[in-house]
C-alpha atoms as a PDB file:
ATOM      1  CA  MET A   1      10.796 -16.861 -23.027  1.00  0.00           C
ATOM      2  CA  ASP A   2      13.410 -14.776 -20.865  1.00  0.00           C
ATOM      3  CA  ASN A   3      12.991 -11.905 -23.506  1.00  0.00           C
ATOM      4  CA  LEU A   4       9.279 -11.715 -23.429  1.00  0.00           C
ATOM      5  CA  PHE A   5       9.604  -9.703 -20.252  1.00  0.00           C
ATOM      6  CA  GLU A   6      12.013  -7.103 -21.476  1.00  0.00           C
ATOM      7  CA  ILE A   7      10.273  -6.965 -25.011  1.00  0.00           C
ATOM      8  CA  ALA A   8       7.156  -6.291 -22.779  1.00  0.00           C
ATOM      9  CA  ARG A   9       8.651  -3.578 -20.827  1.00  0.00           C
ATOM     10  CA  LYS A  10       9.891  -2.084 -24.159  1.00  0.00           C
ATOM     11  CA  GLY A  11       6.392  -1.827 -24.988  1.00  0.00           C
ATOM     12  CA  ASN A  12       7.044  -2.919 -28.593  1.00  0.00           C
ATOM     13  CA  VAL A  13       3.842  -4.468 -29.524  1.00  0.00           C
ATOM     14  CA  ASP A  14       4.582  -5.993 -32.861  1.00  0.00           C
ATOM     15  CA  LYS A  15       7.575  -7.813 -31.539  1.00  0.00           C
ATOM     16  CA  PHE A  16       5.639  -8.894 -28.177  1.00  0.00           C
ATOM     17  CA  VAL A  17       3.109 -10.572 -30.591  1.00  0.00           C
ATOM     18  CA  ASP A  18       5.653 -12.177 -32.559  1.00  0.00           C
ATOM     19  CA  SER A  19       7.556 -13.455 -29.775  1.00  0.00           C
ATOM     20  CA  CYS A  20       4.219 -14.725 -27.881  1.00  0.00           C
ATOM     21  CA  LYS A  21       2.970 -16.443 -30.972  1.00  0.00           C
ATOM     22  CA  GLU A  22       6.103 -18.334 -31.166  1.00  0.00           C
ATOM     23  CA  ARG A  23       6.057 -19.674 -27.420  1.00  0.00           C
ATOM     24  CA  VAL A  24       2.284 -19.230 -26.404  1.00  0.00           C
ATOM     25  CA  ALA A  25       2.799 -22.457 -24.298  1.00  0.00           C
ATOM     26  CA  CYS A  26       5.380 -20.294 -22.247  1.00  0.00           C
ATOM     27  CA  VAL A  27       3.113 -16.948 -21.470  1.00  0.00           C
ATOM     28  CA  ALA A  28       1.526 -18.031 -18.417  1.00  0.00           C
ATOM     29  CA  LYS A  29       5.004 -19.337 -17.055  1.00  0.00           C
ATOM     30  CA  HIS A  30       7.068 -16.836 -14.859  1.00  0.00           C
ATOM     31  CA  ARG A  31      10.447 -16.922 -13.680  1.00  0.00           C
ATOM     32  CA  ILE A  32      11.439 -16.956  -9.751  1.00  0.00           C
ATOM     33  CA  ASP A  33      12.938 -13.557 -10.125  1.00  0.00           C
ATOM     34  CA  GLU A  34       9.842 -11.880 -11.953  1.00  0.00           C
ATOM     35  CA  ASN A  35       6.433 -10.712 -10.530  1.00  0.00           C
ATOM     36  CA  GLY A  36       3.805 -12.321 -12.661  1.00  0.00           C
ATOM     37  CA  ASN A  37       3.926 -13.258 -16.110  1.00  0.00           C
ATOM     38  CA  PRO A  38       4.269 -11.114 -19.644  1.00  0.00           C
ATOM     39  CA  PHE A  39       0.485 -10.288 -19.840  1.00  0.00           C
ATOM     40  CA  HIS A  40       0.965  -8.752 -16.394  1.00  0.00           C
ATOM     41  CA  ILE A  41       3.315  -6.486 -17.893  1.00  0.00           C
ATOM     42  CA  ALA A  42       1.900  -5.768 -21.189  1.00  0.00           C
ATOM     43  CA  ALA A  43      -1.456  -4.894 -19.008  1.00  0.00           C
ATOM     44  CA  SER A  44       0.027  -2.588 -17.013  1.00  0.00           C
ATOM     45  CA  LYS A  45       1.677  -0.759 -20.083  1.00  0.00           C
ATOM     46  CA  GLY A  46      -1.696  -0.397 -21.425  1.00  0.00           C
ATOM     47  CA  PHE A  47      -1.210  -2.511 -24.864  1.00  0.00           C
ATOM     48  CA  LEU A  48      -2.345  -5.910 -23.600  1.00  0.00           C
ATOM     49  CA  LEU A  49      -5.745  -5.557 -25.406  1.00  0.00           C
ATOM     50  CA  SER A  50      -4.340  -4.590 -28.946  1.00  0.00           C
ATOM     51  CA  ALA A  51      -1.691  -7.195 -28.574  1.00  0.00           C
ATOM     52  CA  LEU A  52      -4.121 -10.029 -27.655  1.00  0.00           C
ATOM     53  CA  GLN A  53      -6.389  -9.234 -30.681  1.00  0.00           C
ATOM     54  CA  LYS A  54      -3.136  -9.737 -32.978  1.00  0.00           C
ATOM     55  CA  ILE A  55      -2.220 -12.681 -31.016  1.00  0.00           C
ATOM     56  CA  ILE A  56      -5.679 -14.681 -31.371  1.00  0.00           C
ATOM     57  CA  LYS A  57      -6.267 -13.255 -34.839  1.00  0.00           C
ATOM     58  CA  ASP A  58      -2.821 -14.452 -36.435  1.00  0.00           C
ATOM     59  CA  LEU A  59      -2.964 -17.743 -34.550  1.00  0.00           C
ATOM     60  CA  GLU A  60      -6.747 -18.262 -35.972  1.00  0.00           C
ATOM     61  CA  GLU A  61      -5.132 -17.223 -39.534  1.00  0.00           C
ATOM     62  CA  SER A  62      -2.358 -19.348 -39.692  1.00  0.00           C
ATOM     63  CA  THR A  63      -4.331 -22.524 -38.203  1.00  0.00           C
ATOM     64  CA  ARG A  64      -6.812 -21.761 -40.984  1.00  0.00           C
ATOM     65  CA  VAL A  65      -4.328 -21.692 -43.835  1.00  0.00           C
ATOM     66  CA  GLU A  66      -2.650 -24.720 -42.513  1.00  0.00           C
ATOM     67  CA  VAL A  67      -5.851 -26.693 -42.226  1.00  0.00           C
ATOM     68  CA  GLU A  68      -6.630 -25.881 -45.797  1.00  0.00           C
ATOM     69  CA  LYS A  69      -3.287 -27.125 -47.094  1.00  0.00           C
ATOM     70  CA  ALA A  70      -3.478 -30.119 -45.251  1.00  0.00           C
ATOM     71  CA  LYS A  71      -4.030 -33.424 -47.044  1.00  0.00           C
ATOM     72  CA  ASP A  72      -5.163 -35.782 -44.423  1.00  0.00           C
ATOM     73  CA  TRP A  73      -7.633 -35.753 -41.439  1.00  0.00           C
ATOM     74  CA  GLU A  74      -5.228 -36.524 -38.987  1.00  0.00           C
ATOM     75  CA  LYS A  75      -3.125 -33.133 -39.436  1.00  0.00           C
ATOM     76  CA  VAL A  76      -6.367 -31.163 -39.710  1.00  0.00           C
ATOM     77  CA  LYS A  77      -7.121 -32.470 -36.339  1.00  0.00           C
ATOM     78  CA  ARG A  78      -3.812 -31.874 -34.924  1.00  0.00           C
ATOM     79  CA  LEU A  79      -3.764 -28.401 -36.206  1.00  0.00           C
ATOM     80  CA  GLU A  80      -7.155 -27.738 -34.632  1.00  0.00           C
ATOM     81  CA  LYS A  81      -6.045 -29.295 -31.262  1.00  0.00           C
ATOM     82  CA  GLU A  82      -3.015 -27.152 -31.131  1.00  0.00           C
ATOM     83  CA  LEU A  83      -4.922 -23.891 -31.797  1.00  0.00           C
ATOM     84  CA  LYS A  84      -7.191 -25.046 -28.902  1.00  0.00           C
ATOM     85  CA  ASN A  85      -4.351 -25.731 -26.420  1.00  0.00           C
ATOM     86  CA  ASN A  86      -2.814 -22.099 -27.278  1.00  0.00           C
ATOM     87  CA  LYS A  87      -5.985 -20.489 -26.406  1.00  0.00           C
ATOM     88  CA  LYS A  88      -5.818 -22.395 -23.315  1.00  0.00           C
ATOM     89  CA  TYR A  89      -2.464 -21.137 -22.538  1.00  0.00           C
ATOM     90  CA  ILE A  90      -3.567 -17.271 -23.152  1.00  0.00           C
ATOM     91  CA  LYS A  91      -6.579 -18.014 -20.964  1.00  0.00           C
ATOM     92  CA  GLU A  92      -4.178 -19.097 -18.127  1.00  0.00           C
ATOM     93  CA  ALA A  93      -1.952 -16.284 -18.672  1.00  0.00           C
ATOM     94  CA  LEU A  94      -4.989 -13.785 -18.424  1.00  0.00           C
ATOM     95  CA  LEU A  95      -6.064 -15.456 -15.260  1.00  0.00           C
ATOM     96  CA  ASP A  96      -2.599 -16.105 -13.323  1.00  0.00           C
ATOM     97  CA  LYS A  97      -2.550 -14.205 -10.032  1.00  0.00           C
ATOM     98  CA  SER A  98       1.297 -14.540  -9.613  1.00  0.00           C
ATOM     99  CA  TYR A  99       1.456 -10.742  -9.420  1.00  0.00           C
ATOM    100  CA  ILE A 100       1.560  -8.737  -6.283  1.00  0.00           C
ATOM    101  CA  LYS A 101      -0.097  -5.484  -6.281  1.00  0.00           C
ATOM    102  CA  ASP A 102      -0.414  -3.721  -3.038  1.00  0.00           C
ATOM    103  CA  ASN A 103      -0.244  -6.994  -1.009  1.00  0.00           C
ATOM    104  CA  LYS A 104      -2.643  -8.668  -3.138  1.00  0.00           C
ATOM    105  CA  ALA A 105      -2.544 -11.311  -5.622  1.00  0.00           C
ATOM    106  CA  VAL A 106      -3.680  -9.966  -9.156  1.00  0.00           C
ATOM    107  CA  SER A 107      -4.089 -11.457 -12.634  1.00  0.00           C
ATOM    108  CA  PRO A 108      -3.859  -8.978 -15.862  1.00  0.00           C
ATOM    109  CA  LEU A 109      -7.110  -8.372 -15.966  1.00  0.00           C
ATOM    110  CA  TYR A 110      -6.654  -6.204 -12.804  1.00  0.00           C
ATOM    111  CA  PHE A 111      -4.953  -3.719 -14.962  1.00  0.00           C
ATOM    112  CA  LEU A 112      -7.673  -2.816 -17.426  1.00  0.00           C
ATOM    113  CA  ASP A 113     -10.843  -0.891 -17.415  1.00  0.00           C
ATOM    114  CA  PRO A 114     -14.243  -2.541 -17.222  1.00  0.00           C
ATOM    115  CA  SER A 115     -14.679  -2.057 -21.083  1.00  0.00           C
ATOM    116  CA  GLU A 116     -11.401  -3.671 -21.834  1.00  0.00           C
ATOM    117  CA  GLN A 117     -11.998  -6.677 -19.367  1.00  0.00           C
ATOM    118  CA  LYS A 118     -15.095  -7.124 -21.026  1.00  0.00           C
ATOM    119  CA  GLU A 119     -13.429  -7.390 -24.638  1.00  0.00           C
ATOM    120  CA  VAL A 120     -10.408  -9.041 -23.416  1.00  0.00           C
ATOM    121  CA  LYS A 121     -12.849 -11.731 -21.735  1.00  0.00           C
ATOM    122  CA  GLN A 122     -14.607 -12.499 -24.836  1.00  0.00           C
ATOM    123  CA  ILE A 123     -11.432 -12.647 -27.117  1.00  0.00           C
ATOM    124  CA  ALA A 124     -10.254 -15.175 -24.721  1.00  0.00           C
ATOM    125  CA  ASP A 125     -13.522 -16.859 -24.549  1.00  0.00           C
ATOM    126  CA  ILE A 126     -13.381 -16.336 -20.701  1.00  0.00           C
ATOM    127  CA  LYS A 127     -16.503 -17.196 -19.046  1.00  0.00           C
ATOM    128  CA  CYS A 128     -17.728 -16.472 -15.360  1.00  0.00           C
ATOM    129  CA  GLY A 129     -19.641 -18.940 -13.702  1.00  0.00           C
ATOM    130  CA  PHE A 130     -23.176 -17.714 -12.579  1.00  0.00           C
ATOM    131  CA  ILE A 131     -22.280 -19.370  -9.022  1.00  0.00           C
ATOM    132  CA  CYS A 132     -18.921 -17.521  -8.998  1.00  0.00           C
ATOM    133  CA  ASN A 133     -20.499 -14.307  -9.726  1.00  0.00           C
ATOM    134  CA  LYS A 134     -19.974 -11.607  -7.032  1.00  0.00           C
ATOM    135  CA  LYS A 135     -23.476 -10.114  -7.891  1.00  0.00           C
ATOM    136  CA  PHE A 136     -24.897 -13.666  -7.183  1.00  0.00           C
ATOM    137  CA  HIS A 137     -22.957 -13.858  -4.091  1.00  0.00           C
ATOM    138  CA  ILE A 138     -24.395 -10.480  -2.926  1.00  0.00           C
ATOM    139  CA  CYS A 139     -27.910 -11.516  -3.844  1.00  0.00           C
ATOM    140  CA  LEU A 140     -27.267 -14.509  -1.774  1.00  0.00           C
ATOM    141  CA  TYR A 141     -26.245 -12.733   1.661  1.00  0.00           C
ATOM    142  CA  ILE A 142     -29.090 -10.182   1.220  1.00  0.00           C
ATOM    143  CA  VAL A 143     -31.743 -13.202   0.752  1.00  0.00           C
ATOM    144  CA  GLY A 144     -29.994 -14.775   3.405  1.00  0.00           C
ATOM    145  CA  ALA A 145     -30.154 -11.554   6.180  1.00  0.00           C
ATOM    146  CA  ILE A 146     -34.103 -11.437   4.960  1.00  0.00           C
ATOM    147  CA  VAL A 147     -34.593 -14.960   5.713  1.00  0.00           C
ATOM    148  CA  CYS A 148     -32.714 -14.289   9.072  1.00  0.00           C
ATOM    149  CA  ALA A 149     -34.855 -11.140  10.054  1.00  0.00           C
ATOM    150  CA  THR A 150     -38.034 -12.929   9.212  1.00  0.00           C
ATOM    151  CA  ALA A 151     -37.021 -15.909  11.209  1.00  0.00           C
ATOM    152  CA  MET A 152     -36.454 -13.855  14.123  1.00  0.00           C
ATOM    153  CA  CYS A 153     -39.398 -12.092  13.678  1.00  0.00           C
ATOM    154  CA  VAL A 154     -41.762 -15.477  13.532  1.00  0.00           C
ATOM    155  CA  SER A 155     -39.624 -16.626  16.721  1.00  0.00           C
ATOM    156  CA  LEU A 156     -40.085 -13.501  18.745  1.00  0.00           C
ATOM    157  CA  TYR A 157     -43.901 -13.469  18.233  1.00  0.00           C
ATOM    158  CA  LEU A 158     -44.098 -17.091  18.735  1.00  0.00           C
ATOM    159  CA  LEU A 159     -41.714 -17.517  21.885  1.00  0.00           C
ATOM    160  CA  PHE A 160     -43.616 -14.246  23.159  1.00  0.00           C
ATOM    161  CA  SER A 161     -46.995 -15.800  23.054  1.00  0.00           C
ATOM    162  CA  ALA A 162     -45.490 -18.830  24.924  1.00  0.00           C
ATOM    163  CA  SER A 163     -43.751 -16.917  27.492  1.00  0.00           C
ATOM    164  CA  GLN A 164     -40.647 -18.319  27.118  1.00  0.00           C
ATOM    165  CA  SER A 165     -38.312 -15.768  27.890  1.00  0.00           C
ATOM    166  CA  LEU A 166     -34.915 -17.404  28.152  1.00  0.00           C
ATOM    167  CA  ALA A 167     -35.596 -19.163  24.635  1.00  0.00           C
ATOM    168  CA  LEU A 168     -36.827 -15.991  23.197  1.00  0.00           C
ATOM    169  CA  ALA A 169     -33.721 -14.206  24.264  1.00  0.00           C
ATOM    170  CA  SER A 170     -31.087 -16.970  22.813  1.00  0.00           C
ATOM    171  CA  ILE A 171     -32.725 -17.352  19.615  1.00  0.00           C
ATOM    172  CA  ALA A 172     -33.067 -13.692  19.259  1.00  0.00           C
ATOM    173  CA  THR A 173     -29.606 -13.510  19.554  1.00  0.00           C
ATOM    174  CA  ILE A 174     -28.523 -15.929  17.125  1.00  0.00           C
ATOM    175  CA  ALA A 175     -30.986 -14.640  14.651  1.00  0.00           C
ATOM    176  CA  SER A 176     -29.722 -11.224  14.859  1.00  0.00           C
ATOM    177  CA  GLY A 177     -26.465 -12.290  14.817  1.00  0.00           C
ATOM    178  CA  GLY A 178     -26.734 -14.337  11.777  1.00  0.00           C
ATOM    179  CA  SER A 179     -28.549 -11.183  10.163  1.00  0.00           C
ATOM    180  CA  SER A 180     -25.835  -8.773  10.770  1.00  0.00           C
ATOM    181  CA  TYR A 181     -23.193 -11.212   9.369  1.00  0.00           C
ATOM    182  CA  LEU A 182     -24.956 -11.725   6.271  1.00  0.00           C
ATOM    183  CA  LEU A 183     -25.300  -7.931   5.757  1.00  0.00           C
ATOM    184  CA  PHE A 184     -21.771  -7.378   6.854  1.00  0.00           C
ATOM    185  CA  LYS A 185     -20.559 -10.087   4.161  1.00  0.00           C
ATOM    186  CA  ALA A 186     -22.863  -8.462   1.508  1.00  0.00           C
ATOM    187  CA  CYS A 187     -21.599  -4.702   2.193  1.00  0.00           C
ATOM    188  CA  ASN A 188     -17.838  -6.455   1.936  1.00  0.00           C
ATOM    189  CA  GLU A 189     -18.784  -7.828  -1.538  1.00  0.00           C
ATOM    190  CA  VAL A 190     -20.503  -4.678  -2.846  1.00  0.00           C
ATOM    191  CA  TYR A 191     -17.248  -2.696  -1.922  1.00  0.00           C
ATOM    192  CA  GLY A 192     -14.869  -5.345  -3.520  1.00  0.00           C
ATOM    193  CA  LEU A 193     -17.151  -5.314  -6.460  1.00  0.00           C
ATOM    194  CA  TYR A 194     -16.848  -1.582  -6.748  1.00  0.00           C
ATOM    195  CA  ASN A 195     -13.102  -1.485  -6.321  1.00  0.00           C
ATOM    196  CA  GLU A 196     -12.569  -4.266  -9.120  1.00  0.00           C
ATOM    197  CA  SER A 197     -14.711  -2.060 -11.371  1.00  0.00           C
ATOM    198  CA  THR A 198     -13.408   1.287 -10.735  1.00  0.00           C
ATOM    199  CA  ILE A 199      -9.655   0.816  -9.791  1.00  0.00           C
ATOM    200  CA  VAL A 200      -7.350   1.884 -13.189  1.00  0.00           C
ATOM    201  CA  THR A 201      -4.684   3.532 -11.762  1.00  0.00           C
ATOM    202  CA  ASP A 202      -1.088   2.076 -12.024  1.00  0.00           C
ATOM    203  CA  PRO A 203      -3.297   0.567 -11.409  1.00  0.00           C
ATOM    204  CA  ASP A 204      -7.365  -5.196 -10.031  1.00  0.00           C
ATOM    205  CA  VAL A 205      -7.748 -12.431 -11.097  1.00  0.00           C
ATOM    206  CA  MET A 206      -6.357 -17.991 -10.908  1.00  0.00           C
ATOM    207  CA  GLN A 207      -4.330 -19.418  -8.416  1.00  0.00           C
ATOM    208  CA  LEU A 208      -0.540 -19.467  -7.502  1.00  0.00           C
ATOM    209  CA  LEU A 209       1.484 -16.834  -5.752  1.00  0.00           C
ATOM    210  CA  ASP A 210       4.659 -16.155  -6.547  1.00  0.00           C
ATOM    211  CA  SER A 211       6.904 -14.929  -3.604  1.00  0.00           C
ATOM    212  CA  GLY A 212       8.617 -12.033  -5.898  1.00  0.00           C
ATOM    213  CA  LEU A 213       7.874  -8.782  -4.878  1.00  0.00           C
ATOM    214  CA  ALA A 214       9.709  -6.485  -7.156  1.00  0.00           C
ATOM    215  CA  PRO A 215       7.951  -3.885  -9.326  1.00  0.00           C
ATOM    216  CA  VAL A 216       7.692  -4.492 -13.048  1.00  0.00           C
END
């Protein structure tokens, strides 16, 4: 596993593919003295997509060959489970946010352009849930802002008719504050979505932060 980082830095795609296939379960792991995992390095070097295509293809092909040779159902199930686990390890590595870039935790997907991100997600079967989708969040914020603004207008009308000046002032303040907050959140989401889609310099996704800040 220790050599995977060095192999990735050297940019030897074939050797990197072979090493990853031999130790798929270790790809998502990272050392204390490293920033991120080997996929972060491969992505920053520009060969993650090509390497991933070969890794998945070879794993599926070797499993198919072994399944055809298998003489009992138990071995077939074991081989299929092993392939499924290997793909899970690869997905975990692709979603691992242990790399720190500009004081921000990012996954290997950050270093890919939008078209590469899409292809990698398809290959690794990474699905973005509708509820977690940024565009969905933006729509919710905008709808919320519209609802707040509508409620504010209705409240203003009803309260003005009833001449309840104090209640009018307080509800108007609350409604306008809520509307402004939701619009502010929507703008932030749009800005974040723009950044994730366009940053492709030395160049943008899981859960653990490492303390290592040394550049790859």
